[in-house]
Amino acid sequence: METRARSLTKAVLWQLLGLVVMTLVGLALTGSARLGGGLALVNAGLGLVLYLGYERLWQRIGWGRIVP
């Protein structure tokens, strides 16, 4: 099991990476940095919340773990 601080740090760093990638994809598809960035921000916000919930859910599932 990991601490909430570790889970949160991992989630934030992952979302920052996703934010950069989605901004570039949005820019490439729309030609607008503003629209691409806005779409990326919405995606990052939703992704952060969903990822944290997903990680915490898997913390409760023992399947596939090897206990020393």
N, C-alpha and C. Protein backbone atom coordinates (compact mmCIF):
# COMPACT_ATOMS: atom_id res chain seq x y z
N MET A 1 0.85 -1.17 0.00
CA MET A 1 0.00 0.00 0.00
C MET A 1 0.90 1.24 0.00
N GLU A 2 0.41 2.29 -0.61
CA GLU A 2 1.18 3.54 -0.63
C GLU A 2 0.39 4.64 0.04
N THR A 3 1.09 5.70 0.42
CA THR A 3 0.45 6.81 1.11
C THR A 3 -0.39 7.64 0.14
N ARG A 4 -1.30 8.40 0.70
CA ARG A 4 -2.11 9.31 -0.13
C ARG A 4 -1.24 10.35 -0.81
N ALA A 5 -0.20 10.80 -0.11
CA ALA A 5 0.70 11.80 -0.70
C ALA A 5 1.40 11.24 -1.93
N ARG A 6 1.83 9.99 -1.87
CA ARG A 6 2.48 9.36 -3.03
C ARG A 6 1.49 9.22 -4.17
N SER A 7 0.29 8.74 -3.88
CA SER A 7 -0.74 8.60 -4.91
C SER A 7 -1.05 9.94 -5.57
N LEU A 8 -1.17 10.99 -4.75
CA LEU A 8 -1.48 12.31 -5.28
C LEU A 8 -0.33 12.84 -6.14
N THR A 9 0.91 12.67 -5.67
CA THR A 9 2.07 13.13 -6.44
C THR A 9 2.15 12.42 -7.79
N LYS A 10 1.96 11.11 -7.79
CA LYS A 10 1.98 10.36 -9.04
C LYS A 10 0.89 10.86 -9.99
N ALA A 11 -0.30 11.07 -9.45
CA ALA A 11 -1.43 11.51 -10.27
C ALA A 11 -1.18 12.89 -10.87
N VAL A 12 -0.67 13.81 -10.06
CA VAL A 12 -0.42 15.18 -10.55
C VAL A 12 0.64 15.17 -11.64
N LEU A 13 1.73 14.45 -11.42
CA LEU A 13 2.79 14.39 -12.44
C LEU A 13 2.29 13.75 -13.73
N TRP A 14 1.50 12.69 -13.61
CA TRP A 14 0.93 12.04 -14.79
C TRP A 14 0.02 13.00 -15.54
N GLN A 15 -0.79 13.76 -14.81
CA GLN A 15 -1.71 14.70 -15.45
C GLN A 15 -0.98 15.86 -16.10
N LEU A 16 0.13 16.31 -15.51
CA LEU A 16 0.92 17.37 -16.15
C LEU A 16 1.48 16.90 -17.49
N LEU A 17 1.96 15.67 -17.51
CA LEU A 17 2.44 15.10 -18.78
C LEU A 17 1.29 15.03 -19.79
N GLY A 18 0.14 14.55 -19.35
CA GLY A 18 -1.02 14.47 -20.22
C GLY A 18 -1.48 15.83 -20.69
N LEU A 19 -1.38 16.84 -19.83
CA LEU A 19 -1.78 18.21 -20.19
C LEU A 19 -0.94 18.73 -21.35
N VAL A 20 0.35 18.51 -21.28
CA VAL A 20 1.24 18.95 -22.36
C VAL A 20 0.90 18.22 -23.66
N VAL A 21 0.75 16.91 -23.57
CA VAL A 21 0.45 16.12 -24.78
C VAL A 21 -0.89 16.52 -25.37
N MET A 22 -1.92 16.65 -24.54
CA MET A 22 -3.25 17.00 -25.04
C MET A 22 -3.28 18.42 -25.61
N THR A 23 -2.52 19.34 -25.05
CA THR A 23 -2.44 20.69 -25.60
C THR A 23 -1.87 20.64 -27.01
N LEU A 24 -0.82 19.86 -27.19
CA LEU A 24 -0.21 19.73 -28.52
C LEU A 24 -1.15 19.05 -29.51
N VAL A 25 -1.85 18.02 -29.06
CA VAL A 25 -2.82 17.34 -29.93
C VAL A 25 -3.96 18.30 -30.28
N GLY A 26 -4.48 19.02 -29.28
CA GLY A 26 -5.55 20.00 -29.53
C GLY A 26 -5.11 21.09 -30.48
N LEU A 27 -3.89 21.56 -30.32
CA LEU A 27 -3.35 22.57 -31.22
C LEU A 27 -3.25 22.03 -32.65
N ALA A 28 -2.75 20.82 -32.77
CA ALA A 28 -2.60 20.21 -34.10
C ALA A 28 -3.96 20.01 -34.79
N LEU A 29 -4.97 19.62 -34.01
CA LEU A 29 -6.28 19.33 -34.60
C LEU A 29 -7.13 20.57 -34.84
N THR A 30 -7.00 21.58 -33.98
CA THR A 30 -7.86 22.75 -34.11
C THR A 30 -7.14 23.96 -34.70
N GLY A 31 -5.82 23.97 -34.60
CA GLY A 31 -5.06 25.13 -35.05
C GLY A 31 -5.09 26.28 -34.05
N SER A 32 -5.71 26.05 -32.90
CA SER A 32 -5.84 27.09 -31.88
C SER A 32 -5.21 26.62 -30.58
N ALA A 33 -4.20 27.35 -30.11
CA ALA A 33 -3.56 27.00 -28.84
C ALA A 33 -4.55 27.21 -27.69
N ARG A 34 -5.39 28.22 -27.79
CA ARG A 34 -6.36 28.50 -26.73
C ARG A 34 -7.40 27.39 -26.61
N LEU A 35 -7.97 26.98 -27.73
CA LEU A 35 -8.96 25.90 -27.71
C LEU A 35 -8.31 24.58 -27.31
N GLY A 36 -7.15 24.31 -27.88
CA GLY A 36 -6.43 23.07 -27.54
C GLY A 36 -6.08 23.03 -26.07
N GLY A 37 -5.63 24.16 -25.52
CA GLY A 37 -5.29 24.24 -24.10
C GLY A 37 -6.51 24.08 -23.21
N GLY A 38 -7.62 24.68 -23.62
CA GLY A 38 -8.86 24.54 -22.85
C GLY A 38 -9.34 23.10 -22.80
N LEU A 39 -9.30 22.43 -23.93
CA LEU A 39 -9.68 21.01 -23.96
C LEU A 39 -8.73 20.18 -23.09
N ALA A 40 -7.45 20.50 -23.14
CA ALA A 40 -6.47 19.78 -22.34
C ALA A 40 -6.71 20.00 -20.84
N LEU A 41 -7.08 21.22 -20.44
CA LEU A 41 -7.35 21.49 -19.03
C LEU A 41 -8.56 20.70 -18.52
N VAL A 42 -9.60 20.65 -19.32
CA VAL A 42 -10.78 19.86 -18.93
C VAL A 42 -10.40 18.39 -18.81
N ASN A 43 -9.66 17.89 -19.79
CA ASN A 43 -9.22 16.50 -19.75
C ASN A 43 -8.34 16.22 -18.54
N ALA A 44 -7.43 17.13 -18.22
CA ALA A 44 -6.53 16.93 -17.09
C ALA A 44 -7.29 16.93 -15.76
N GLY A 45 -8.24 17.83 -15.62
CA GLY A 45 -9.02 17.89 -14.39
C GLY A 45 -9.83 16.61 -14.16
N LEU A 46 -10.53 16.19 -15.19
CA LEU A 46 -11.30 14.95 -15.09
C LEU A 46 -10.39 13.75 -14.89
N GLY A 47 -9.29 13.73 -15.63
CA GLY A 47 -8.36 12.61 -15.54
C GLY A 47 -7.75 12.49 -14.15
N LEU A 48 -7.42 13.61 -13.52
CA LEU A 48 -6.83 13.58 -12.19
C LEU A 48 -7.80 12.96 -11.18
N VAL A 49 -9.03 13.41 -11.20
CA VAL A 49 -10.02 12.89 -10.26
C VAL A 49 -10.27 11.40 -10.51
N LEU A 50 -10.43 11.02 -11.75
CA LEU A 50 -10.69 9.62 -12.08
C LEU A 50 -9.49 8.74 -11.74
N TYR A 51 -8.28 9.21 -12.01
CA TYR A 51 -7.09 8.43 -11.72
C TYR A 51 -6.92 8.20 -10.22
N LEU A 52 -7.15 9.23 -9.42
CA LEU A 52 -7.05 9.07 -7.97
C LEU A 52 -8.05 8.03 -7.46
N GLY A 53 -9.26 8.11 -7.94
CA GLY A 53 -10.26 7.13 -7.54
C GLY A 53 -9.90 5.73 -7.99
N TYR A 54 -9.40 5.61 -9.19
CA TYR A 54 -8.99 4.33 -9.75
C TYR A 54 -7.85 3.71 -8.93
N GLU A 55 -6.85 4.51 -8.59
CA GLU A 55 -5.71 4.04 -7.79
C GLU A 55 -6.18 3.59 -6.41
N ARG A 56 -7.04 4.37 -5.77
CA ARG A 56 -7.51 4.03 -4.43
C ARG A 56 -8.36 2.76 -4.46
N LEU A 57 -9.14 2.59 -5.51
CA LEU A 57 -9.92 1.36 -5.65
C LEU A 57 -9.01 0.15 -5.73
N TRP A 58 -7.97 0.22 -6.55
CA TRP A 58 -7.05 -0.90 -6.70
C TRP A 58 -6.25 -1.16 -5.43
N GLN A 59 -6.11 -0.15 -4.57
CA GLN A 59 -5.43 -0.37 -3.29
C GLN A 59 -6.23 -1.36 -2.42
N ARG A 60 -7.53 -1.42 -2.63
CA ARG A 60 -8.40 -2.29 -1.83
C ARG A 60 -8.52 -3.70 -2.40
N ILE A 61 -8.03 -3.92 -3.59
CA ILE A 61 -8.15 -5.22 -4.25
C ILE A 61 -6.85 -6.00 -4.04
N GLY A 62 -6.96 -7.15 -3.45
CA GLY A 62 -5.77 -7.96 -3.15
C GLY A 62 -5.35 -8.87 -4.28
N TRP A 63 -6.20 -9.05 -5.27
CA TRP A 63 -5.91 -9.97 -6.37
C TRP A 63 -4.59 -9.64 -7.06
N GLY A 64 -3.76 -10.66 -7.26
CA GLY A 64 -2.51 -10.49 -7.99
C GLY A 64 -1.35 -9.96 -7.18
N ARG A 65 -1.56 -9.67 -5.91
CA ARG A 65 -0.48 -9.18 -5.07
C ARG A 65 0.30 -10.35 -4.49
N ILE A 66 1.57 -10.14 -4.33
CA ILE A 66 2.41 -11.13 -3.67
C ILE A 66 2.81 -10.53 -2.32
N VAL A 67 2.40 -11.18 -1.27
CA VAL A 67 2.68 -10.69 0.08
C VAL A 67 3.92 -11.41 0.60
N PRO A 68 4.96 -10.62 0.95
CA PRO A 68 6.20 -11.26 1.42
C PRO A 68 6.04 -11.94 2.77
